[in-house]
Amino acid sequence: MTPNPILRPSQVVPEIVHTTLYEMAQLRCTPRWSEADAESKVRQLVSDELEPRGLTLLRRDLADGRLRFLVKARENGAVCDLIESAR
Protein backbone atom coordinates (compact mmCIF):
# COMPACT_ATOMS: atom_id res chain seq x y z
CA MET A 1 0.00 0.00 0.00
CA THR A 2 1.44 3.37 -1.02
CA PRO A 3 0.58 6.20 1.36
CA ASN A 4 -1.58 8.96 -0.08
CA PRO A 5 0.55 12.17 -0.08
CA ILE A 6 -2.53 14.31 0.72
CA LEU A 7 -3.06 12.58 4.05
CA ARG A 8 -1.37 13.32 7.32
CA PRO A 9 0.52 10.33 8.83
CA SER A 10 -2.30 9.85 11.35
CA GLN A 11 -4.73 9.29 8.46
CA VAL A 12 -2.90 6.37 6.84
CA VAL A 13 -5.28 3.42 6.67
CA PRO A 14 -3.93 0.52 8.76
CA GLU A 15 -3.49 -2.85 7.04
CA ILE A 16 -5.85 -4.49 9.58
CA VAL A 17 -8.67 -2.43 8.04
CA HIS A 18 -7.99 -3.87 4.59
CA THR A 19 -7.70 -7.41 5.90
CA THR A 20 -10.82 -7.31 8.05
CA LEU A 21 -13.07 -5.67 5.45
CA TYR A 22 -11.92 -7.98 2.67
CA GLU A 23 -12.43 -11.04 4.88
CA MET A 24 -15.86 -9.82 5.99
CA ALA A 25 -16.93 -9.26 2.38
CA GLN A 26 -15.81 -12.76 1.41
CA LEU A 27 -17.40 -14.52 4.39
CA ARG A 28 -20.71 -12.64 4.46
CA CYS A 29 -22.34 -15.25 2.21
CA THR A 30 -21.23 -18.18 4.32
CA PRO A 31 -22.69 -19.56 7.55
CA ARG A 32 -19.46 -18.61 9.38
CA TRP A 33 -20.59 -15.00 9.91
CA SER A 34 -24.06 -13.61 10.32
CA GLU A 35 -24.85 -10.11 9.06
CA ALA A 36 -25.06 -8.98 12.71
CA ASP A 37 -21.59 -10.39 13.45
CA ALA A 38 -20.16 -8.64 10.39
CA GLU A 39 -21.75 -5.30 11.29
CA SER A 40 -20.46 -5.59 14.86
CA LYS A 41 -16.94 -6.23 13.58
CA VAL A 42 -17.13 -3.23 11.24
CA ARG A 43 -18.36 -0.94 14.04
CA GLN A 44 -15.44 -2.08 16.22
CA LEU A 45 -12.97 -1.56 13.38
CA VAL A 46 -14.26 1.96 12.77
CA SER A 47 -14.12 2.94 16.45
CA ASP A 48 -10.72 1.33 17.12
CA GLU A 49 -8.80 2.01 13.91
CA LEU A 50 -10.45 4.69 11.78
CA GLU A 51 -12.06 7.27 14.08
CA PRO A 52 -8.85 7.92 16.06
CA ARG A 53 -7.16 8.74 12.73
CA GLY A 54 -9.90 11.12 11.61
CA LEU A 55 -11.32 8.66 9.07
CA THR A 56 -14.81 7.39 8.32
CA LEU A 57 -16.09 4.34 6.46
CA LEU A 58 -18.81 4.19 3.83
CA ARG A 59 -20.24 0.90 2.60
CA ARG A 60 -21.77 0.50 -0.83
CA ASP A 61 -23.67 -2.60 -1.94
CA LEU A 62 -23.01 -2.91 -5.67
CA ALA A 63 -25.60 -4.19 -8.13
CA ASP A 64 -23.60 -7.33 -8.89
CA GLY A 65 -23.54 -8.40 -5.21
CA ARG A 66 -20.08 -7.12 -4.36
CA LEU A 67 -19.30 -4.71 -1.54
CA ARG A 68 -17.29 -1.53 -1.85
CA PHE A 69 -15.87 0.25 1.19
CA LEU A 70 -14.64 3.83 0.95
CA VAL A 71 -12.38 5.17 3.67
CA LYS A 72 -12.68 8.95 3.78
CA ALA A 73 -10.98 11.74 5.72
CA ARG A 74 -13.50 13.41 8.01
CA GLU A 75 -11.68 16.73 7.73
CA ASN A 76 -12.03 17.27 3.99
CA GLY A 77 -14.05 14.32 2.66
CA ALA A 78 -11.17 13.05 0.52
CA VAL A 79 -11.32 9.35 -0.34
CA CYS A 80 -8.25 7.79 1.28
CA ASP A 81 -8.77 4.22 0.22
CA LEU A 82 -11.15 1.90 -1.57
CA ILE A 83 -11.61 -1.75 -0.64
CA GLU A 84 -13.77 -3.89 -2.88
CA SER A 85 -14.81 -7.51 -2.52
CA ALA A 86 -14.18 -9.96 -5.30
CA ARG A 87 -17.19 -11.66 -6.77
PDB file of N, CA and C in Angstrom:
ATOM      1  N   MET A   1       0.844  -1.166   0.000  1.00  0.00           N
ATOM      2  CA  MET A   1       0.000   0.000   0.000  1.00  0.00           C
ATOM      3  C   MET A   1       0.894   1.235   0.000  1.00  0.00           C
ATOM      4  N   THR A   2       0.699   2.127  -0.945  1.00  0.00           N
ATOM      5  CA  THR A   2       1.442   3.370  -1.025  1.00  0.00           C
ATOM      6  C   THR A   2       0.655   4.460  -0.309  1.00  0.00           C
ATOM      7  N   PRO A   3       1.296   5.143   0.642  1.00  0.00           N
ATOM      8  CA  PRO A   3       0.583   6.199   1.363  1.00  0.00           C
ATOM      9  C   PRO A   3       0.144   7.313   0.428  1.00  0.00           C
ATOM     10  N   ASN A   4      -1.030   7.843   0.683  1.00  0.00           N
ATOM     11  CA  ASN A   4      -1.576   8.963  -0.078  1.00  0.00           C
ATOM     12  C   ASN A   4      -0.871  10.231   0.397  1.00  0.00           C
ATOM     13  N   PRO A   5      -0.199  10.981  -0.510  1.00  0.00           N
ATOM     14  CA  PRO A   5       0.549  12.167  -0.079  1.00  0.00           C
ATOM     15  C   PRO A   5      -0.325  13.292   0.466  1.00  0.00           C
ATOM     16  N   ILE A   6      -1.628  13.269   0.229  1.00  0.00           N
ATOM     17  CA  ILE A   6      -2.533  14.310   0.723  1.00  0.00           C
ATOM     18  C   ILE A   6      -2.837  14.120   2.202  1.00  0.00           C
ATOM     19  N   LEU A   7      -2.680  12.896   2.678  1.00  0.00           N
ATOM     20  CA  LEU A   7      -3.064  12.577   4.050  1.00  0.00           C
ATOM     21  C   LEU A   7      -1.941  12.857   5.037  1.00  0.00           C
ATOM     22  N   ARG A   8      -2.333  13.231   6.236  1.00  0.00           N
ATOM     23  CA  ARG A   8      -1.367  13.324   7.320  1.00  0.00           C
ATOM     24  C   ARG A   8      -1.024  11.898   7.759  1.00  0.00           C
ATOM     25  N   PRO A   9       0.144  11.680   8.392  1.00  0.00           N
ATOM     26  CA  PRO A   9       0.515  10.333   8.826  1.00  0.00           C
ATOM     27  C   PRO A   9      -0.541   9.658   9.699  1.00  0.00           C
ATOM     28  N   SER A  10      -1.280  10.438  10.488  1.00  0.00           N
ATOM     29  CA  SER A  10      -2.301   9.853  11.355  1.00  0.00           C
ATOM     30  C   SER A  10      -3.495   9.346  10.561  1.00  0.00           C
ATOM     31  N   GLN A  11      -3.593   9.696   9.269  1.00  0.00           N
ATOM     32  CA  GLN A  11      -4.735   9.289   8.457  1.00  0.00           C
ATOM     33  C   GLN A  11      -4.434   8.099   7.552  1.00  0.00           C
ATOM     34  N   VAL A  12      -3.233   7.535   7.648  1.00  0.00           N
ATOM     35  CA  VAL A  12      -2.904   6.371   6.838  1.00  0.00           C
ATOM     36  C   VAL A  12      -3.781   5.211   7.304  1.00  0.00           C
ATOM     37  N   VAL A  13      -4.370   4.515   6.347  1.00  0.00           N
ATOM     38  CA  VAL A  13      -5.283   3.424   6.665  1.00  0.00           C
ATOM     39  C   VAL A  13      -4.470   2.195   7.081  1.00  0.00           C
ATOM     40  N   PRO A  14      -4.680   1.681   8.294  1.00  0.00           N
ATOM     41  CA  PRO A  14      -3.927   0.518   8.764  1.00  0.00           C
ATOM     42  C   PRO A  14      -4.269  -0.743   7.953  1.00  0.00           C
ATOM     43  N   GLU A  15      -3.311  -1.612   7.805  1.00  0.00           N
ATOM     44  CA  GLU A  15      -3.492  -2.850   7.039  1.00  0.00           C
ATOM     45  C   GLU A  15      -4.601  -3.730   7.628  1.00  0.00           C
ATOM     46  N   ILE A  16      -4.791  -3.684   8.950  1.00  0.00           N
ATOM     47  CA  ILE A  16      -5.852  -4.488   9.581  1.00  0.00           C
ATOM     48  C   ILE A  16      -7.218  -4.117   9.031  1.00  0.00           C
ATOM     49  N   VAL A  17      -7.402  -2.864   8.619  1.00  0.00           N
ATOM     50  CA  VAL A  17      -8.674  -2.432   8.041  1.00  0.00           C
ATOM     51  C   VAL A  17      -8.903  -3.151   6.717  1.00  0.00           C
ATOM     52  N   HIS A  18      -7.886  -3.177   5.876  1.00  0.00           N
ATOM     53  CA  HIS A  18      -7.991  -3.874   4.591  1.00  0.00           C
ATOM     54  C   HIS A  18      -8.313  -5.350   4.794  1.00  0.00           C
ATOM     55  N   THR A  19      -7.551  -5.972   5.659  1.00  0.00           N
ATOM     56  CA  THR A  19      -7.698  -7.410   5.901  1.00  0.00           C
ATOM     57  C   THR A  19      -9.079  -7.751   6.427  1.00  0.00           C
ATOM     58  N   THR A  20      -9.532  -7.019   7.423  1.00  0.00           N
ATOM     59  CA  THR A  20     -10.821  -7.311   8.049  1.00  0.00           C
ATOM     60  C   THR A  20     -11.987  -7.072   7.088  1.00  0.00           C
ATOM     61  N   LEU A  21     -11.968  -5.959   6.370  1.00  0.00           N
ATOM     62  CA  LEU A  21     -13.073  -5.667   5.451  1.00  0.00           C
ATOM     63  C   LEU A  21     -13.109  -6.656   4.289  1.00  0.00           C
ATOM     64  N   TYR A  22     -11.954  -7.022   3.769  1.00  0.00           N
ATOM     65  CA  TYR A  22     -11.923  -7.984   2.668  1.00  0.00           C
ATOM     66  C   TYR A  22     -12.439  -9.344   3.150  1.00  0.00           C
ATOM     67  N   GLU A  23     -11.988  -9.760   4.324  1.00  0.00           N
ATOM     68  CA  GLU A  23     -12.435 -11.036   4.884  1.00  0.00           C
ATOM     69  C   GLU A  23     -13.937 -11.019   5.137  1.00  0.00           C
ATOM     70  N   MET A  24     -14.434  -9.920   5.714  1.00  0.00           N
ATOM     71  CA  MET A  24     -15.864  -9.821   5.986  1.00  0.00           C
ATOM     72  C   MET A  24     -16.673  -9.909   4.698  1.00  0.00           C
ATOM     73  N   ALA A  25     -16.210  -9.243   3.661  1.00  0.00           N
ATOM     74  CA  ALA A  25     -16.926  -9.261   2.382  1.00  0.00           C
ATOM     75  C   ALA A  25     -16.956 -10.669   1.795  1.00  0.00           C
ATOM     76  N   GLN A  26     -15.877 -11.409   1.951  1.00  0.00           N
ATOM     77  CA  GLN A  26     -15.812 -12.761   1.406  1.00  0.00           C
ATOM     78  C   GLN A  26     -16.663 -13.744   2.215  1.00  0.00           C
ATOM     79  N   LEU A  27     -16.707 -13.561   3.510  1.00  0.00           N
ATOM     80  CA  LEU A  27     -17.402 -14.516   4.388  1.00  0.00           C
ATOM     81  C   LEU A  27     -18.872 -14.191   4.622  1.00  0.00           C
ATOM     82  N   ARG A  28     -19.333 -13.047   4.150  1.00  0.00           N
ATOM     83  CA  ARG A  28     -20.714 -12.644   4.462  1.00  0.00           C
ATOM     84  C   ARG A  28     -21.754 -13.581   3.866  1.00  0.00           C
ATOM     85  N   CYS A  29     -21.400 -14.321   2.844  1.00  0.00           N
ATOM     86  CA  CYS A  29     -22.341 -15.248   2.207  1.00  0.00           C
ATOM     87  C   CYS A  29     -22.218 -16.671   2.747  1.00  0.00           C
ATOM     88  N   THR A  30     -21.411 -16.849   3.763  1.00  0.00           N
ATOM     89  CA  THR A  30     -21.227 -18.185   4.318  1.00  0.00           C
ATOM     90  C   THR A  30     -21.855 -18.241   5.710  1.00  0.00           C
ATOM     91  N   PRO A  31     -22.108 -19.448   6.209  1.00  0.00           N
ATOM     92  CA  PRO A  31     -22.693 -19.559   7.550  1.00  0.00           C
ATOM     93  C   PRO A  31     -21.719 -19.191   8.674  1.00  0.00           C
ATOM     94  N   ARG A  32     -20.445 -18.920   8.343  1.00  0.00           N
ATOM     95  CA  ARG A  32     -19.459 -18.610   9.381  1.00  0.00           C
ATOM     96  C   ARG A  32     -19.735 -17.279  10.069  1.00  0.00           C
ATOM     97  N   TRP A  33     -20.293 -16.307   9.341  1.00  0.00           N
ATOM     98  CA  TRP A  33     -20.592 -14.997   9.915  1.00  0.00           C
ATOM     99  C   TRP A  33     -22.022 -14.630   9.596  1.00  0.00           C
ATOM    100  N   SER A  34     -22.740 -14.156  10.588  1.00  0.00           N
ATOM    101  CA  SER A  34     -24.063 -13.608  10.317  1.00  0.00           C
ATOM    102  C   SER A  34     -23.883 -12.133   9.957  1.00  0.00           C
ATOM    103  N   GLU A  35     -24.901 -11.535   9.391  1.00  0.00           N
ATOM    104  CA  GLU A  35     -24.846 -10.109   9.060  1.00  0.00           C
ATOM    105  C   GLU A  35     -24.626  -9.283  10.326  1.00  0.00           C
ATOM    106  N   ALA A  36     -25.233  -9.698  11.433  1.00  0.00           N
ATOM    107  CA  ALA A  36     -25.060  -8.984  12.705  1.00  0.00           C
ATOM    108  C   ALA A  36     -23.615  -9.062  13.187  1.00  0.00           C
ATOM    109  N   ASP A  37     -22.994 -10.238  13.056  1.00  0.00           N
ATOM    110  CA  ASP A  37     -21.586 -10.388  13.447  1.00  0.00           C
ATOM    111  C   ASP A  37     -20.699  -9.483  12.602  1.00  0.00           C
ATOM    112  N   ALA A  38     -20.957  -9.455  11.310  1.00  0.00           N
ATOM    113  CA  ALA A  38     -20.161  -8.642  10.392  1.00  0.00           C
ATOM    114  C   ALA A  38     -20.306  -7.154  10.730  1.00  0.00           C
ATOM    115  N   GLU A  39     -21.521  -6.711  10.965  1.00  0.00           N
ATOM    116  CA  GLU A  39     -21.752  -5.303  11.292  1.00  0.00           C
ATOM    117  C   GLU A  39     -21.081  -4.922  12.606  1.00  0.00           C
ATOM    118  N   SER A  40     -21.116  -5.830  13.580  1.00  0.00           N
ATOM    119  CA  SER A  40     -20.464  -5.588  14.863  1.00  0.00           C
ATOM    120  C   SER A  40     -18.953  -5.430  14.673  1.00  0.00           C
ATOM    121  N   LYS A  41     -18.373  -6.284  13.857  1.00  0.00           N
ATOM    122  CA  LYS A  41     -16.937  -6.227  13.585  1.00  0.00           C
ATOM    123  C   LYS A  41     -16.573  -4.913  12.880  1.00  0.00           C
ATOM    124  N   VAL A  42     -17.381  -4.487  11.954  1.00  0.00           N
ATOM    125  CA  VAL A  42     -17.128  -3.233  11.238  1.00  0.00           C
ATOM    126  C   VAL A  42     -17.216  -2.052  12.200  1.00  0.00           C
ATOM    127  N   ARG A  43     -18.230  -2.034  13.062  1.00  0.00           N
ATOM    128  CA  ARG A  43     -18.358  -0.944  14.044  1.00  0.00           C
ATOM    129  C   ARG A  43     -17.121  -0.871  14.936  1.00  0.00           C
ATOM    130  N   GLN A  44     -16.636  -2.033  15.376  1.00  0.00           N
ATOM    131  CA  GLN A  44     -15.444  -2.075  16.223  1.00  0.00           C
ATOM    132  C   GLN A  44     -14.219  -1.575  15.457  1.00  0.00           C
ATOM    133  N   LEU A  45     -14.093  -1.987  14.225  1.00  0.00           N
ATOM    134  CA  LEU A  45     -12.971  -1.563  13.377  1.00  0.00           C
ATOM    135  C   LEU A  45     -12.975  -0.043  13.194  1.00  0.00           C
ATOM    136  N   VAL A  46     -14.140   0.505  12.953  1.00  0.00           N
ATOM    137  CA  VAL A  46     -14.261   1.959  12.774  1.00  0.00           C
ATOM    138  C   VAL A  46     -13.873   2.682  14.059  1.00  0.00           C
ATOM    139  N   SER A  47     -14.398   2.236  15.190  1.00  0.00           N
ATOM    140  CA  SER A  47     -14.119   2.939  16.446  1.00  0.00           C
ATOM    141  C   SER A  47     -12.675   2.752  16.908  1.00  0.00           C
ATOM    142  N   ASP A  48     -12.081   1.594  16.657  1.00  0.00           N
ATOM    143  CA  ASP A  48     -10.715   1.331  17.123  1.00  0.00           C
ATOM    144  C   ASP A  48      -9.630   1.830  16.173  1.00  0.00           C
ATOM    145  N   GLU A  49      -9.874   1.735  14.880  1.00  0.00           N
ATOM    146  CA  GLU A  49      -8.804   2.008  13.913  1.00  0.00           C
ATOM    147  C   GLU A  49      -9.009   3.270  13.070  1.00  0.00           C
ATOM    148  N   LEU A  50     -10.236   3.568  12.706  1.00  0.00           N
ATOM    149  CA  LEU A  50     -10.453   4.689  11.782  1.00  0.00           C
ATOM    150  C   LEU A  50     -10.743   6.009  12.492  1.00  0.00           C
ATOM    151  N   GLU A  51     -11.691   6.013  13.408  1.00  0.00           N
ATOM    152  CA  GLU A  51     -12.064   7.269  14.077  1.00  0.00           C
ATOM    153  C   GLU A  51     -10.884   7.964  14.753  1.00  0.00           C
ATOM    154  N   PRO A  52      -9.989   7.228  15.450  1.00  0.00           N
ATOM    155  CA  PRO A  52      -8.846   7.919  16.060  1.00  0.00           C
ATOM    156  C   PRO A  52      -7.923   8.590  15.039  1.00  0.00           C
ATOM    157  N   ARG A  53      -7.992   8.168  13.792  1.00  0.00           N
ATOM    158  CA  ARG A  53      -7.162   8.737  12.730  1.00  0.00           C
ATOM    159  C   ARG A  53      -7.913   9.792  11.907  1.00  0.00           C
ATOM    160  N   GLY A  54      -9.121  10.115  12.323  1.00  0.00           N
ATOM    161  CA  GLY A  54      -9.902  11.123  11.611  1.00  0.00           C
ATOM    162  C   GLY A  54     -10.502  10.594  10.320  1.00  0.00           C
ATOM    163  N   LEU A  55     -10.793   9.299  10.272  1.00  0.00           N
ATOM    164  CA  LEU A  55     -11.324   8.658   9.073  1.00  0.00           C
ATOM    165  C   LEU A  55     -12.720   8.105   9.315  1.00  0.00           C
ATOM    166  N   THR A  56     -13.493   7.997   8.253  1.00  0.00           N
ATOM    167  CA  THR A  56     -14.815   7.385   8.321  1.00  0.00           C
ATOM    168  C   THR A  56     -14.892   6.281   7.267  1.00  0.00           C
ATOM    169  N   LEU A  57     -15.910   5.455   7.378  1.00  0.00           N
ATOM    170  CA  LEU A  57     -16.086   4.339   6.456  1.00  0.00           C
ATOM    171  C   LEU A  57     -17.483   4.395   5.850  1.00  0.00           C
ATOM    172  N   LEU A  58     -17.537   4.289   4.537  1.00  0.00           N
ATOM    173  CA  LEU A  58     -18.811   4.195   3.825  1.00  0.00           C
ATOM    174  C   LEU A  58     -18.877   2.832   3.157  1.00  0.00           C
ATOM    175  N   ARG A  59     -20.035   2.199   3.228  1.00  0.00           N
ATOM    176  CA  ARG A  59     -20.240   0.895   2.600  1.00  0.00           C
ATOM    177  C   ARG A  59     -21.235   1.057   1.457  1.00  0.00           C
ATOM    178  N   ARG A  60     -20.887   0.483   0.332  1.00  0.00           N
ATOM    179  CA  ARG A  60     -21.771   0.497  -0.830  1.00  0.00           C
ATOM    180  C   ARG A  60     -22.026  -0.938  -1.272  1.00  0.00           C
ATOM    181  N   ASP A  61     -23.297  -1.303  -1.387  1.00  0.00           N
ATOM    182  CA  ASP A  61     -23.669  -2.600  -1.944  1.00  0.00           C
ATOM    183  C   ASP A  61     -23.817  -2.410  -3.448  1.00  0.00           C
ATOM    184  N   LEU A  62     -22.979  -3.063  -4.225  1.00  0.00           N
ATOM    185  CA  LEU A  62     -23.007  -2.912  -5.674  1.00  0.00           C
ATOM    186  C   LEU A  62     -24.063  -3.815  -6.293  1.00  0.00           C
ATOM    187  N   ALA A  63     -24.518  -3.463  -7.468  1.00  0.00           N
ATOM    188  CA  ALA A  63     -25.601  -4.189  -8.135  1.00  0.00           C
ATOM    189  C   ALA A  63     -25.262  -5.651  -8.393  1.00  0.00           C
ATOM    190  N   ASP A  64     -23.991  -5.948  -8.586  1.00  0.00           N
ATOM    191  CA  ASP A  64     -23.604  -7.335  -8.889  1.00  0.00           C
ATOM    192  C   ASP A  64     -23.344  -8.170  -7.634  1.00  0.00           C
ATOM    193  N   GLY A  65     -23.680  -7.641  -6.456  1.00  0.00           N
ATOM    194  CA  GLY A  65     -23.545  -8.396  -5.214  1.00  0.00           C
ATOM    195  C   GLY A  65     -22.250  -8.152  -4.461  1.00  0.00           C
ATOM    196  N   ARG A  66     -21.330  -7.420  -5.057  1.00  0.00           N
ATOM    197  CA  ARG A  66     -20.079  -7.120  -4.364  1.00  0.00           C
ATOM    198  C   ARG A  66     -20.279  -5.968  -3.381  1.00  0.00           C
ATOM    199  N   LEU A  67     -19.319  -5.817  -2.487  1.00  0.00           N
ATOM    200  CA  LEU A  67     -19.303  -4.710  -1.538  1.00  0.00           C
ATOM    201  C   LEU A  67     -18.141  -3.791  -1.876  1.00  0.00           C
ATOM    202  N   ARG A  68     -18.352  -2.505  -1.699  1.00  0.00           N
ATOM    203  CA  ARG A  68     -17.285  -1.527  -1.845  1.00  0.00           C
ATOM    204  C   ARG A  68     -17.260  -0.699  -0.570  1.00  0.00           C
ATOM    205  N   PHE A  69     -16.074  -0.572   0.005  1.00  0.00           N
ATOM    206  CA  PHE A  69     -15.875   0.249   1.187  1.00  0.00           C
ATOM    207  C   PHE A  69     -14.991   1.425   0.811  1.00  0.00           C
ATOM    208  N   LEU A  70     -15.429   2.613   1.165  1.00  0.00           N
ATOM    209  CA  LEU A  70     -14.641   3.829   0.953  1.00  0.00           C
ATOM    210  C   LEU A  70     -14.202   4.349   2.307  1.00  0.00           C
ATOM    211  N   VAL A  71     -12.917   4.567   2.466  1.00  0.00           N
ATOM    212  CA  VAL A  71     -12.378   5.174   3.670  1.00  0.00           C
ATOM    213  C   VAL A  71     -12.119   6.632   3.321  1.00  0.00           C
ATOM    214  N   LYS A  72     -12.753   7.519   4.087  1.00  0.00           N
ATOM    215  CA  LYS A  72     -12.677   8.952   3.783  1.00  0.00           C
ATOM    216  C   LYS A  72     -12.141   9.722   4.979  1.00  0.00           C
ATOM    217  N   ALA A  73     -11.446  10.816   4.674  1.00  0.00           N
ATOM    218  CA  ALA A  73     -10.981  11.735   5.716  1.00  0.00           C
ATOM    219  C   ALA A  73     -12.160  12.575   6.170  1.00  0.00           C
ATOM    220  N   ARG A  74     -12.396  12.611   7.458  1.00  0.00           N
ATOM    221  CA  ARG A  74     -13.501  13.409   8.005  1.00  0.00           C
ATOM    222  C   ARG A  74     -13.269  14.895   7.768  1.00  0.00           C
ATOM    223  N   GLU A  75     -12.034  15.312   7.829  1.00  0.00           N
ATOM    224  CA  GLU A  75     -11.677  16.731   7.734  1.00  0.00           C
ATOM    225  C   GLU A  75     -12.064  17.360   6.399  1.00  0.00           C
ATOM    226  N   ASN A  76     -11.787  16.653   5.296  1.00  0.00           N
ATOM    227  CA  ASN A  76     -12.025  17.270   3.986  1.00  0.00           C
ATOM    228  C   ASN A  76     -12.837  16.388   3.030  1.00  0.00           C
ATOM    229  N   GLY A  77     -13.242  15.208   3.481  1.00  0.00           N
ATOM    230  CA  GLY A  77     -14.054  14.323   2.658  1.00  0.00           C
ATOM    231  C   GLY A  77     -13.301  13.583   1.571  1.00  0.00           C
ATOM    232  N   ALA A  78     -11.980  13.719   1.547  1.00  0.00           N
ATOM    233  CA  ALA A  78     -11.175  13.045   0.525  1.00  0.00           C
ATOM    234  C   ALA A  78     -11.236  11.527   0.715  1.00  0.00           C
ATOM    235  N   VAL A  79     -11.361  10.810  -0.397  1.00  0.00           N
ATOM    236  CA  VAL A  79     -11.319   9.349  -0.342  1.00  0.00           C
ATOM    237  C   VAL A  79      -9.867   8.937  -0.150  1.00  0.00           C
ATOM    238  N   CYS A  80      -9.608   8.215   0.934  1.00  0.00           N
ATOM    239  CA  CYS A  80      -8.255   7.794   1.275  1.00  0.00           C
ATOM    240  C   CYS A  80      -7.953   6.409   0.731  1.00  0.00           C
ATOM    241  N   ASP A  81      -8.968   5.587   0.651  1.00  0.00           N
ATOM    242  CA  ASP A  81      -8.765   4.216   0.215  1.00  0.00           C
ATOM    243  C   ASP A  81     -10.088   3.624  -0.226  1.00  0.00           C
ATOM    244  N   LEU A  82      -9.985   2.622  -1.067  1.00  0.00           N
ATOM    245  CA  LEU A  82     -11.150   1.901  -1.566  1.00  0.00           C
ATOM    246  C   LEU A  82     -10.848   0.423  -1.426  1.00  0.00           C
ATOM    247  N   ILE A  83     -11.751  -0.309  -0.804  1.00  0.00           N
ATOM    248  CA  ILE A  83     -11.612  -1.750  -0.644  1.00  0.00           C
ATOM    249  C   ILE A  83     -12.855  -2.374  -1.260  1.00  0.00           C
ATOM    250  N   GLU A  84     -12.652  -3.294  -2.165  1.00  0.00           N
ATOM    251  CA  GLU A  84     -13.772  -3.891  -2.880  1.00  0.00           C
ATOM    252  C   GLU A  84     -13.675  -5.403  -2.802  1.00  0.00           C
ATOM    253  N   SER A  85     -14.814  -6.048  -2.593  1.00  0.00           N
ATOM    254  CA  SER A  85     -14.813  -7.506  -2.524  1.00  0.00           C
ATOM    255  C   SER A  85     -14.780  -8.084  -3.930  1.00  0.00           C
ATOM    256  N   ALA A  86     -14.155  -9.236  -4.040  1.00  0.00           N
ATOM    257  CA  ALA A  86     -14.185  -9.964  -5.305  1.00  0.00           C
ATOM    258  C   ALA A  86     -15.510 -10.676  -5.402  1.00  0.00           C
ATOM    259  N   ARG A  87     -15.904 -10.996  -6.582  1.00  0.00           N
ATOM    260  CA  ARG A  87     -17.188 -11.661  -6.769  1.00  0.00           C
ATOM    261  C   ARG A  87     -17.050 -13.151  -6.678  1.00  0.00           C
TER     262      ARG A  87
END
